[in-house]
Amino acid sequence: MMRHALVTGGAGFIGSHLVDRLLAEGWRVTVVDNFDPFYDPAIKDANVKPHLENPDYRLVRADIRDLEALRLKLQGDYDVIVHLTAKAGVRPSIQDPITYQEVNVRGTQNLLELAREWGVKQFVFASSSSVYGVNPSVPWREDDCVLLPISPYAATKVAGELLGHVYSHLYGIRFIALRLFTVYGPRQRPDLAIHKFARLMLEGKPIPVYGDGSSRRDYTYIDDIIQGVRAAMDYTATPYEVINLGNNHTVSLMEMIQSLEEALGVKAKLDFFPPQPGDVPQTWADVEKAKQLLSYNLNTVFGQGLKEFAQWLEVLPL
């Protein structure tokens, strides 16, 4: 029998790649996305355009804060819910913490309520490396209970993980929280550093560097992330898990810029600014748990991933 997945945020960067994979495997896919104007909705329109031609795909435009609308528009027989929708971004969450709470916490609870009502027993949740915050003990392990989030966005992701534990315990929903580490690749959101920097560099404009360039990130290529998400959809060994999906290799901001220069063939102009509130000095994933539970494999080194991203960007209008 054809399996059916509900993917929230399925028109976005990670979601559209997951939908590609699921449709290729023969799944039925229902996507819910509100095409939030946080960035140009035309980008999401382009992401979903090829999916709309597939008879096994359905797109529902709705806001996950509206539980009644979700009940009405999404009623169906789902084998799994993959919840990727979120108000994204550390810095914007400091400016608008209430909306982040409403979308990321109440919206997540709405999806969990629907899973309970409809008897969906598998729920995969996109959490974030930001939950670790300023924890100095690296690489970060899932069994380290010291979470030190320093932004409203990060706090909402912690809340989502805890809500999942409650619903798993009370209602028998298997809840897998995936802590994603700085995902990059084709279709990356334009507000994220690699995409933002690349466009500025190609336009000959200076890029903003906050701090001294020594901050480090665990950049993870989109295909590796999708591999992990897909494995989590099939995971059945335990009722609740929190799992890092990262690259287990950190890259400094200045190293990232230098690698981007090589991938684009363009020299960057730098404007230095003080560090921004909410930004953490480093992210670094221990991925042993993902390897053990999800057979997670890292197949893309950073330089190669940037080349793939640059090739995608070349065909887009600036």
Protein backbone atom coordinates (compact mmCIF):
# COMPACT_ATOMS: atom_id res chain seq x y z
CA MET A 1 0.00 0.00 0.00
CA MET A 2 1.23 3.50 -0.83
CA ARG A 3 2.38 5.32 2.28
CA HIS A 4 1.14 8.84 3.00
CA ALA A 5 3.22 11.60 4.61
CA LEU A 6 2.07 14.99 5.88
CA VAL A 7 4.99 17.41 5.52
CA THR A 8 4.64 20.83 7.11
CA GLY A 9 6.82 23.49 5.52
CA GLY A 10 7.08 21.29 2.46
CA ALA A 11 7.47 24.24 0.11
CA GLY A 12 10.62 25.45 1.86
CA PHE A 13 14.29 24.63 1.53
CA ILE A 14 14.50 21.36 3.47
CA GLY A 15 10.86 20.43 2.93
CA SER A 16 10.96 20.60 -0.86
CA HIS A 17 14.04 18.38 -0.97
CA LEU A 18 12.27 15.86 1.28
CA VAL A 19 9.22 15.94 -1.00
CA ASP A 20 11.50 15.24 -3.99
CA ARG A 21 12.76 12.13 -2.22
CA LEU A 22 9.35 10.91 -1.07
CA LEU A 23 7.66 11.29 -4.46
CA ALA A 24 10.59 9.51 -6.10
CA GLU A 25 10.08 6.62 -3.65
CA GLY A 26 6.37 6.39 -4.46
CA TRP A 27 4.84 8.06 -1.40
CA ARG A 28 1.68 10.10 -1.36
CA VAL A 29 2.61 13.51 0.04
CA THR A 30 0.40 16.23 1.49
CA VAL A 31 2.20 19.51 2.12
CA VAL A 32 0.95 22.34 4.32
CA ASP A 33 2.71 25.69 4.00
CA ASN A 34 1.52 29.26 4.48
CA PHE A 35 4.11 30.82 2.11
CA ASP A 36 5.17 33.22 4.86
CA PRO A 37 6.56 36.49 3.41
CA PHE A 38 9.64 36.20 5.67
CA TYR A 39 11.31 35.81 2.29
CA ASP A 40 9.94 36.09 -1.25
CA PRO A 41 7.09 33.54 -1.63
CA ALA A 42 8.05 33.20 -5.31
CA ILE A 43 11.00 31.10 -4.13
CA LYS A 44 8.60 28.59 -2.61
CA ASP A 45 6.43 28.71 -5.73
CA ALA A 46 9.50 27.64 -7.71
CA ASN A 47 10.25 24.88 -5.19
CA VAL A 48 6.80 23.30 -5.51
CA LYS A 49 6.27 23.82 -9.24
CA PRO A 50 7.55 20.37 -10.28
CA HIS A 51 5.63 18.69 -7.44
CA LEU A 52 2.30 20.09 -8.57
CA GLU A 53 2.50 17.94 -11.69
CA ASN A 54 2.56 14.72 -9.63
CA PRO A 55 -0.87 13.16 -8.92
CA ASP A 56 0.39 11.83 -5.59
CA TYR A 57 1.10 15.35 -4.31
CA ARG A 58 -1.31 17.75 -2.63
CA LEU A 59 -0.50 21.31 -1.53
CA VAL A 60 -2.56 22.96 1.20
CA ARG A 61 -1.98 26.63 1.93
CA ALA A 62 -2.72 27.11 5.62
CA ASP A 63 -1.24 28.51 8.82
CA ILE A 64 -0.35 25.93 11.47
CA ARG A 65 -1.58 28.31 14.18
CA ASP A 66 -5.15 27.75 12.92
CA LEU A 67 -6.12 24.35 14.32
CA GLU A 68 -9.65 24.37 12.92
CA ALA A 69 -8.40 25.15 9.42
CA LEU A 70 -5.89 22.32 9.69
CA ARG A 71 -8.60 19.90 10.79
CA LEU A 72 -10.81 20.92 7.90
CA LYS A 73 -8.19 21.00 5.13
CA LEU A 74 -5.82 18.21 6.14
CA GLN A 75 -8.09 15.41 7.35
CA GLY A 76 -6.55 12.23 6.08
CA ASP A 77 -4.91 8.90 6.75
CA TYR A 78 -1.25 9.63 7.38
CA ASP A 79 1.50 7.16 8.20
CA VAL A 80 3.84 9.90 9.41
CA ILE A 81 3.91 13.63 10.08
CA VAL A 82 7.18 15.42 9.34
CA HIS A 83 6.95 18.81 11.01
CA LEU A 84 9.41 21.23 9.42
CA THR A 85 7.40 24.46 9.59
CA ALA A 86 8.81 27.13 11.89
CA LYS A 87 9.44 30.82 12.16
CA ALA A 88 13.13 30.64 11.44
CA GLY A 89 16.11 32.73 12.42
CA VAL A 90 17.80 33.62 15.68
CA ARG A 91 18.10 37.38 15.18
CA PRO A 92 14.51 38.01 13.97
CA SER A 93 13.17 36.05 16.95
CA ILE A 94 14.66 38.63 19.29
CA GLN A 95 12.63 41.32 17.53
CA ASP A 96 9.37 39.34 17.47
CA PRO A 97 9.41 36.69 20.21
CA ILE A 98 5.61 36.46 20.53
CA THR A 99 5.08 35.39 16.92
CA TYR A 100 7.89 32.85 17.25
CA GLN A 101 6.17 31.41 20.30
CA GLU A 102 2.81 31.23 18.53
CA VAL A 103 4.10 29.54 15.38
CA ASN A 104 6.81 27.31 16.78
CA VAL A 105 5.20 26.21 20.03
CA ARG A 106 1.45 26.48 19.54
CA GLY A 107 1.79 25.38 15.93
CA THR A 108 3.75 22.30 17.00
CA GLN A 109 1.14 21.48 19.63
CA ASN A 110 -1.57 21.80 16.98
CA LEU A 111 0.18 19.21 14.83
CA LEU A 112 0.62 16.92 17.81
CA GLU A 113 -3.08 17.28 18.59
CA LEU A 114 -3.93 16.25 15.06
CA ALA A 115 -1.59 13.28 15.32
CA ARG A 116 -3.41 12.25 18.50
CA GLU A 117 -6.87 12.72 16.99
CA TRP A 118 -6.04 10.95 13.74
CA GLY A 119 -4.01 8.12 15.26
CA VAL A 120 -0.74 9.02 13.51
CA LYS A 121 1.92 7.07 15.35
CA GLN A 122 5.10 8.53 13.81
CA PHE A 123 6.06 12.19 14.23
CA VAL A 124 9.39 13.65 13.06
CA PHE A 125 10.19 17.13 14.35
CA ALA A 126 12.81 19.53 13.00
CA SER A 127 14.58 20.90 16.05
CA SER A 128 17.77 22.94 15.92
CA SER A 129 21.36 23.00 17.09
CA SER A 130 20.50 26.38 18.62
CA VAL A 131 18.99 24.57 21.63
CA TYR A 132 22.53 23.93 22.90
CA GLY A 133 23.18 27.67 23.00
CA VAL A 134 26.43 28.58 24.71
CA ASN A 135 27.18 25.14 26.14
CA PRO A 136 31.01 25.04 26.04
CA SER A 137 31.21 21.24 26.12
CA VAL A 138 31.76 20.28 22.47
CA PRO A 139 31.02 18.39 20.34
CA TRP A 140 27.44 18.57 21.57
CA ARG A 141 25.84 15.29 22.54
CA GLU A 142 22.14 14.61 22.89
CA ASP A 143 22.58 13.15 26.39
CA ASP A 144 24.07 16.41 27.68
CA CYS A 145 21.16 17.80 29.66
CA VAL A 146 22.75 21.25 29.94
CA LEU A 147 20.82 23.28 27.35
CA LEU A 148 21.66 26.97 27.39
CA PRO A 149 19.56 28.59 24.64
CA ILE A 150 20.13 32.33 24.20
CA SER A 151 17.40 33.32 21.72
CA PRO A 152 13.60 33.06 21.63
CA TYR A 153 13.91 30.87 18.54
CA ALA A 154 16.10 28.39 20.39
CA ALA A 155 13.73 28.37 23.37
CA THR A 156 10.79 27.51 21.10
CA LYS A 157 12.69 24.52 19.74
CA VAL A 158 13.38 23.25 23.25
CA ALA A 159 9.67 23.63 23.98
CA GLY A 160 8.80 21.63 20.86
CA GLU A 161 11.01 18.76 21.96
CA LEU A 162 9.38 18.73 25.40
CA LEU A 163 5.87 18.82 23.95
CA GLY A 164 6.82 15.82 21.86
CA HIS A 165 7.91 13.94 24.96
CA VAL A 166 4.56 14.64 26.60
CA TYR A 167 2.55 13.40 23.62
CA SER A 168 4.79 10.36 23.21
CA HIS A 169 4.32 9.43 26.86
CA LEU A 170 0.58 10.08 27.05
CA TYR A 171 -0.63 9.01 23.62
CA GLY A 172 1.90 6.54 22.24
CA ILE A 173 3.10 8.79 19.41
CA ARG A 174 6.67 7.98 18.42
CA PHE A 175 8.40 11.37 18.42
CA ILE A 176 11.82 11.86 16.83
CA ALA A 177 13.37 15.31 17.32
CA LEU A 178 16.17 16.00 14.88
CA ARG A 179 18.56 18.76 15.93
CA LEU A 180 19.67 20.16 12.58
CA PHE A 181 23.03 21.88 12.24
CA THR A 182 23.37 24.77 9.74
CA VAL A 183 21.90 23.17 6.62
CA TYR A 184 23.12 24.47 3.25
CA GLY A 185 22.85 23.58 -0.42
CA PRO A 186 20.64 24.31 -3.44
CA ARG A 187 17.38 26.15 -2.54
CA GLN A 188 18.85 27.43 0.74
CA ARG A 189 16.86 30.31 2.21
CA PRO A 190 18.16 33.70 1.01
CA ASP A 191 18.50 35.04 4.57
CA LEU A 192 21.05 32.39 5.58
CA ALA A 193 24.71 33.33 5.55
CA ILE A 194 26.01 31.27 2.62
CA HIS A 195 23.18 32.33 0.29
CA LYS A 196 23.19 35.95 1.48
CA PHE A 197 26.97 36.26 1.21
CA ALA A 198 27.07 34.62 -2.21
CA ARG A 199 24.56 37.06 -3.70
CA LEU A 200 26.35 40.07 -2.24
CA MET A 201 29.69 38.82 -3.54
CA LEU A 202 28.30 38.26 -7.04
CA GLU A 203 26.86 41.77 -6.98
CA GLY A 204 30.22 43.22 -5.91
CA LYS A 205 28.82 44.40 -2.59
CA PRO A 206 30.48 44.03 0.83
CA ILE A 207 29.32 41.26 3.13
CA PRO A 208 28.63 41.92 6.83
CA VAL A 209 30.92 40.03 9.20
CA TYR A 210 29.73 40.09 12.81
CA GLY A 211 32.58 39.65 15.26
CA ASP A 212 36.14 38.81 14.26
CA GLY A 213 35.28 35.94 11.91
CA SER A 214 36.31 33.22 14.37
CA SER A 215 32.78 31.93 15.09
CA ARG A 216 32.40 28.35 13.90
CA ARG A 217 29.50 26.40 12.41
CA ASP A 218 28.89 22.74 11.71
CA TYR A 219 27.68 23.11 8.10
CA THR A 220 25.63 20.13 6.90
CA TYR A 221 24.75 19.51 3.25
CA ILE A 222 21.07 19.15 2.38
CA ASP A 223 21.36 15.63 0.93
CA ASP A 224 22.89 14.35 4.17
CA ILE A 225 20.10 15.99 6.17
CA ILE A 226 17.41 14.43 3.96
CA GLN A 227 19.01 11.03 4.42
CA GLY A 228 18.69 11.46 8.17
CA VAL A 229 15.11 12.75 8.04
CA ARG A 230 14.10 9.88 5.79
CA ALA A 231 15.62 7.33 8.18
CA ALA A 232 13.83 8.95 11.13
CA MET A 233 10.51 8.45 9.32
CA ASP A 234 11.12 4.68 9.43
CA TYR A 235 12.65 4.49 12.92
CA THR A 236 10.66 2.26 15.30
CA ALA A 237 13.03 1.03 18.02
CA THR A 238 12.05 3.46 20.81
CA PRO A 239 9.13 5.83 21.47
CA TYR A 240 11.09 9.08 21.86
CA GLU A 241 14.49 10.21 20.66
CA VAL A 242 16.47 13.41 20.22
CA ILE A 243 19.12 13.02 17.51
CA ASN A 244 21.75 15.39 16.11
CA LEU A 245 21.98 15.68 12.34
CA GLY A 246 25.20 17.54 11.68
CA ASN A 247 28.55 17.16 9.97
CA ASN A 248 30.79 16.65 13.04
CA HIS A 249 33.21 19.18 11.55
CA THR A 250 33.34 22.88 12.27
CA VAL A 251 34.23 25.67 9.84
CA SER A 252 35.07 29.22 10.93
CA LEU A 253 33.25 32.17 9.41
CA MET A 254 36.43 33.33 7.66
CA GLU A 255 37.07 29.80 6.34
CA MET A 256 33.51 29.71 5.02
CA ILE A 257 34.01 33.01 3.20
CA GLN A 258 37.29 31.80 1.69
CA SER A 259 35.65 28.56 0.51
CA LEU A 260 32.77 30.53 -0.96
CA GLU A 261 35.27 32.72 -2.84
CA GLU A 262 36.74 29.57 -4.38
CA ALA A 263 33.33 28.12 -5.31
CA LEU A 264 32.11 31.37 -6.89
CA GLY A 265 35.39 32.58 -8.35
CA VAL A 266 34.78 36.00 -6.74
CA LYS A 267 36.74 37.90 -4.08
CA ALA A 268 34.70 39.03 -1.07
CA LYS A 269 34.66 42.56 0.31
CA LEU A 270 34.25 42.51 4.08
CA ASP A 271 32.50 44.93 6.45
CA PHE A 272 33.13 44.12 10.11
CA PHE A 273 30.51 44.73 12.83
CA PRO A 274 30.22 43.85 16.54
CA PRO A 275 28.83 40.40 17.40
CA GLN A 276 25.02 40.20 17.35
CA PRO A 277 22.86 39.24 20.34
CA GLY A 278 21.62 35.66 20.19
CA ASP A 279 24.44 34.38 17.99
CA VAL A 280 26.40 31.50 19.50
CA PRO A 281 30.20 31.31 19.10
CA GLN A 282 30.17 27.76 17.74
CA THR A 283 28.03 24.78 16.81
CA TRP A 284 29.48 21.29 16.66
CA ALA A 285 27.53 18.04 16.44
CA ASP A 286 28.43 14.66 17.83
CA VAL A 287 26.69 12.38 15.29
CA GLU A 288 27.44 8.96 16.78
CA LYS A 289 23.84 8.51 17.89
CA ALA A 290 22.56 9.28 14.39
CA LYS A 291 24.99 6.75 12.96
CA GLN A 292 23.85 4.08 15.42
CA LEU A 293 20.09 4.65 15.25
CA LEU A 294 19.61 5.98 11.71
CA SER A 295 22.64 4.57 9.85
CA TYR A 296 23.44 8.23 9.20
CA ASN A 297 26.24 8.74 6.69
CA LEU A 298 28.07 11.95 5.82
CA ASN A 299 28.71 11.93 2.09
CA THR A 300 29.39 15.59 1.24
CA VAL A 301 32.48 17.55 2.28
CA PHE A 302 32.04 21.30 2.69
CA GLY A 303 33.92 22.39 -0.42
CA GLN A 304 31.97 20.02 -2.67
CA GLY A 305 28.68 21.11 -1.14
CA LEU A 306 29.52 24.75 -1.84
CA LYS A 307 30.27 23.88 -5.47
CA GLU A 308 26.82 22.27 -5.77
CA PHE A 309 25.26 25.36 -4.22
CA ALA A 310 27.20 27.69 -6.54
CA GLN A 311 26.10 25.73 -9.61
CA TRP A 312 22.47 26.06 -8.52
CA LEU A 313 22.87 29.77 -7.84
CA GLU A 314 24.37 30.41 -11.27
CA VAL A 315 21.07 29.69 -13.00
CA LEU A 316 19.01 31.96 -10.74
CA PRO A 317 18.39 35.66 -11.35
CA LEU A 318 20.21 37.94 -8.91
